[in-house]
Protein backbone atom coordinates (compact mmCIF):
# COMPACT_ATOMS: atom_id res chain seq x y z
CA GLN A 1 12.01 13.47 3.30
CA ILE A 2 8.37 13.06 2.48
CA VAL A 3 7.70 14.15 -1.29
CA THR A 4 4.06 14.60 -2.09
CA GLN A 5 1.89 16.27 -4.82
CA THR A 6 0.10 19.86 -3.63
CA ASP A 7 -2.27 21.50 -6.28
CA ALA A 8 0.47 23.25 -8.13
CA HIS A 9 4.10 21.42 -7.42
CA ILE A 10 5.82 18.28 -6.40
CA VAL A 11 7.04 19.31 -3.10
CA GLY A 12 9.78 17.55 -0.46
CA ILE A 13 9.13 18.39 2.93
CA ALA A 14 11.40 18.04 5.69
CA LEU A 15 9.99 15.11 7.89
CA SER A 16 11.41 16.53 11.21
CA GLU A 17 10.33 20.00 11.27
CA GLY A 18 7.87 20.60 8.07
CA SER A 19 9.78 23.00 6.28
CA SER A 20 10.04 23.06 2.63
CA LEU A 21 13.04 21.58 1.27
CA TRP A 22 12.16 22.06 -2.56
CA LYS A 23 9.30 22.51 -5.00
CA ILE A 24 8.59 22.03 -9.17
CA PRO A 25 5.68 24.00 -10.52
CA PHE A 26 3.16 21.61 -11.62
CA LYS A 27 -0.49 22.04 -12.28
CA THR A 28 -3.06 20.37 -13.90
CA PRO A 29 -6.14 21.19 -15.00
CA TYR A 30 -9.12 21.32 -12.51
CA ASP A 31 -5.93 21.27 -9.81
CA GLN A 32 -6.22 17.22 -9.29
CA ASN A 33 -2.92 15.99 -8.60
CA ILE A 34 -4.07 12.48 -7.84
CA GLN A 35 -0.79 10.59 -8.80
CA THR A 36 1.90 9.53 -5.70
CA PRO A 37 5.67 10.07 -7.25
CA ILE A 38 7.21 7.20 -7.66
CA LEU A 39 11.20 6.73 -6.87
CA HIS A 40 13.58 4.49 -8.70
CA GLY A 41 16.66 4.91 -7.55
CA ASP A 42 17.69 8.81 -7.51
CA ARG A 43 15.27 9.16 -9.61
CA LEU A 44 11.56 10.65 -9.06
CA ILE A 45 9.01 10.04 -11.35
CA PHE A 46 5.56 11.60 -11.38
CA SER A 47 2.50 12.75 -14.45
CA GLY A 48 -0.85 13.92 -14.32
CA LEU A 49 -3.62 15.22 -16.31
CA ASP A 50 -2.50 16.89 -19.53
CA GLN A 51 0.63 16.65 -17.92
CA PRO A 52 3.89 14.38 -19.66
CA THR A 53 6.07 12.07 -17.38
CA VAL A 54 8.86 13.53 -16.19
CA ALA A 55 11.96 12.33 -13.82
CA VAL A 56 14.04 14.31 -11.84
CA THR A 57 16.70 13.56 -9.74
CA VAL A 58 16.95 15.52 -6.53
CA GLU A 59 20.69 17.23 -5.36
CA GLY A 60 20.32 18.96 -2.09
CA ASN A 61 17.32 21.64 -2.70
CA GLU A 62 17.85 21.66 -6.05
CA THR A 63 16.12 19.26 -8.82
CA ARG A 64 16.85 18.59 -12.59
CA GLU A 65 15.08 17.28 -15.00
CA ARG A 66 16.59 13.08 -16.06
CA TRP A 67 13.83 12.51 -18.64
CA LYS A 68 10.49 13.86 -19.72
CA LYS A 69 7.98 11.59 -21.76
CA SER A 70 4.82 12.84 -23.37
CA ILE A 71 2.49 9.96 -21.50
CA THR A 72 0.46 10.67 -19.04
CA PHE A 73 -1.04 8.95 -16.21
CA TYR A 74 -3.91 10.65 -14.45
CA MET A 75 -6.15 8.63 -12.14
CA SER A 76 -4.14 5.90 -11.21
CA THR A 77 -0.44 5.32 -9.71
CA PRO A 78 1.94 3.01 -12.36
CA VAL A 79 3.55 0.65 -10.19
CA LEU A 80 7.23 0.10 -10.58
CA ILE A 81 8.67 -3.35 -10.71
CA GLY A 82 12.60 -4.08 -10.86
CA ASP A 83 13.49 -1.15 -13.39
CA ARG A 84 10.00 -1.09 -15.26
CA LEU A 85 7.10 1.44 -14.81
CA ILE A 86 3.67 -0.16 -15.58
CA GLY A 87 0.64 1.96 -15.55
CA PHE A 88 -2.50 3.07 -17.28
CA SER A 89 -2.46 6.28 -19.51
CA ASP A 90 -5.51 8.41 -20.24
CA LYS A 91 -4.34 8.59 -23.64
CA LYS A 92 -6.05 7.18 -26.67
CA SER A 93 -9.38 6.44 -24.69
CA GLY A 94 -7.03 4.59 -21.65
CA HIS A 95 -4.44 1.80 -22.41
CA PHE A 96 -1.85 0.12 -20.74
CA ILE A 97 1.87 0.90 -21.07
CA ALA A 98 5.30 -0.33 -19.68
CA LEU A 99 8.52 2.39 -19.49
CA GLU A 100 11.97 2.04 -18.60
CA ALA A 101 12.03 3.95 -15.44
CA LYS A 102 15.98 5.05 -15.99
CA ASN A 103 15.19 6.51 -19.20
CA GLY A 104 11.74 6.67 -19.98
CA LYS A 105 12.06 4.67 -23.28
CA THR A 106 8.61 2.70 -23.88
CA LEU A 107 8.91 -0.91 -23.51
CA TRP A 108 5.01 -1.74 -24.84
CA GLU A 109 1.55 0.29 -25.24
CA GLY A 110 -1.69 -1.71 -24.90
CA PRO A 111 -4.77 -1.11 -26.89
CA PRO A 112 -6.57 1.82 -26.69
CA ARG A 113 -10.02 1.86 -25.57
CA GLN A 114 -9.54 -0.09 -22.38
CA GLY A 115 -11.41 2.59 -20.20
CA ASP A 116 -10.96 5.67 -18.11
CA ASN A 117 -8.60 4.47 -15.59
CA ALA A 118 -7.36 1.52 -13.84
CA ALA A 119 -6.25 0.52 -10.26
CA ILE A 120 -3.04 -1.31 -10.72
CA VAL A 121 -0.85 -3.80 -8.15
CA ALA A 122 2.48 -5.51 -8.13
CA ALA A 123 1.98 -8.83 -6.95
CA GLY A 124 5.25 -9.80 -7.14
CA ASP A 125 6.51 -11.10 -11.00
CA TRP A 126 2.45 -10.29 -11.69
CA VAL A 127 0.53 -6.67 -12.38
CA LEU A 128 -2.67 -6.85 -11.66
CA ALA A 129 -4.34 -4.24 -13.55
CA LEU A 130 -8.16 -3.82 -12.85
CA THR A 131 -10.31 -1.26 -15.30
CA ASP A 132 -13.30 0.61 -14.03
CA SER A 133 -15.35 -1.76 -16.44
CA ALA A 134 -14.69 -4.63 -14.30
CA GLU A 135 -11.77 -6.18 -16.44
CA LEU A 136 -9.48 -7.79 -14.38
CA PHE A 137 -6.02 -8.15 -16.17
CA ILE A 138 -2.90 -10.44 -14.61
CA LEU A 139 0.03 -9.47 -16.85
CA ARG A 140 3.68 -10.57 -16.34
CA ALA A 141 5.98 -7.78 -15.21
CA ASP A 142 8.71 -8.72 -17.41
CA ALA A 143 6.78 -9.22 -20.61
CA ASP A 144 8.02 -7.69 -24.19
CA ARG A 145 4.50 -6.90 -25.11
CA PHE A 146 0.86 -6.37 -23.42
CA GLU A 147 -0.11 -9.91 -23.73
CA PRO A 148 -2.28 -11.14 -20.23
CA GLU A 149 -1.81 -14.05 -18.78
CA HIS A 150 -5.28 -14.36 -18.09
CA THR A 151 -8.19 -11.43 -18.46
CA TYR A 152 -10.93 -11.76 -16.23
CA SER A 153 -15.06 -10.23 -16.27
CA VAL A 154 -15.37 -9.52 -12.01
CA ALA A 155 -18.19 -7.37 -11.69
CA GLU A 156 -20.89 -6.24 -13.22
CA SER A 157 -20.58 -2.85 -11.43
CA PRO A 158 -18.24 -0.77 -12.12
CA THR A 159 -15.34 -1.07 -10.09
CA TRP A 160 -12.58 1.89 -9.18
CA ALA A 161 -10.76 0.02 -5.95
CA HIS A 162 -7.46 -1.79 -6.34
CA PRO A 163 -7.58 -5.67 -6.51
CA VAL A 164 -6.13 -7.10 -3.11
CA PRO A 165 -3.73 -10.10 -3.39
CA THR A 166 -4.87 -12.32 -0.92
CA ALA A 167 -3.29 -15.69 0.45
CA GLU A 168 -7.01 -17.23 -0.63
CA GLY A 169 -7.31 -15.20 -3.22
CA ILE A 170 -8.10 -11.77 -4.92
CA LEU A 171 -10.84 -9.28 -3.61
CA ILE A 172 -12.72 -7.33 -5.72
CA LYS A 173 -14.40 -4.32 -4.86
CA ASP A 174 -17.14 -2.94 -6.94
CA GLU A 175 -19.92 -0.22 -6.95
CA ARG A 176 -22.04 -2.28 -4.51
CA THR A 177 -20.07 -5.75 -3.61
CA LEU A 178 -16.78 -7.23 -1.89
CA ALA A 179 -16.36 -10.95 -3.68
CA LEU A 180 -12.74 -12.84 -3.13
CA TRP A 181 -11.53 -14.56 -6.41
CA SER A 182 -10.11 -17.93 -5.94
CA LEU A 183 -6.55 -18.44 -7.36
CA GLY A 184 -7.30 -22.03 -7.91
């Protein structure tokens, strides 16, 4: 099945015939359901603007809530690395946060005022987190707190695209340019 968000629901669609298998009401202001739902084991995790982060299980055509957290993710979908969900909440003028995916427990929160959104990419045991103000944070996925291994200012104009790790370095797209940042 395909799981996605519509303007008013989280839905499961049968891949073979395109029919609806199940749906959960999920409405956000401005009809902006932007997040990609994340699957962790048997749990489907989703969030949105002014909506809590929720984990459900799907059993047949029924869904059952497993946990709900007041943390919201708006423009950037969190990444799942092992049992950790690492993302960027729009609350507190933007801050990074790590949750335990099985129960929603907060593992750590970063400082406030980091930006309006961030593009986050899992890269092995690392997280590349690029804020819209062109700050690139390199985080250990298993860290006990928000403590970037490295922080780089990577552009002079806003960055909204995801950083792209390659064998030669990290591609960064800002408002006007595309640059390759060397790893060495």
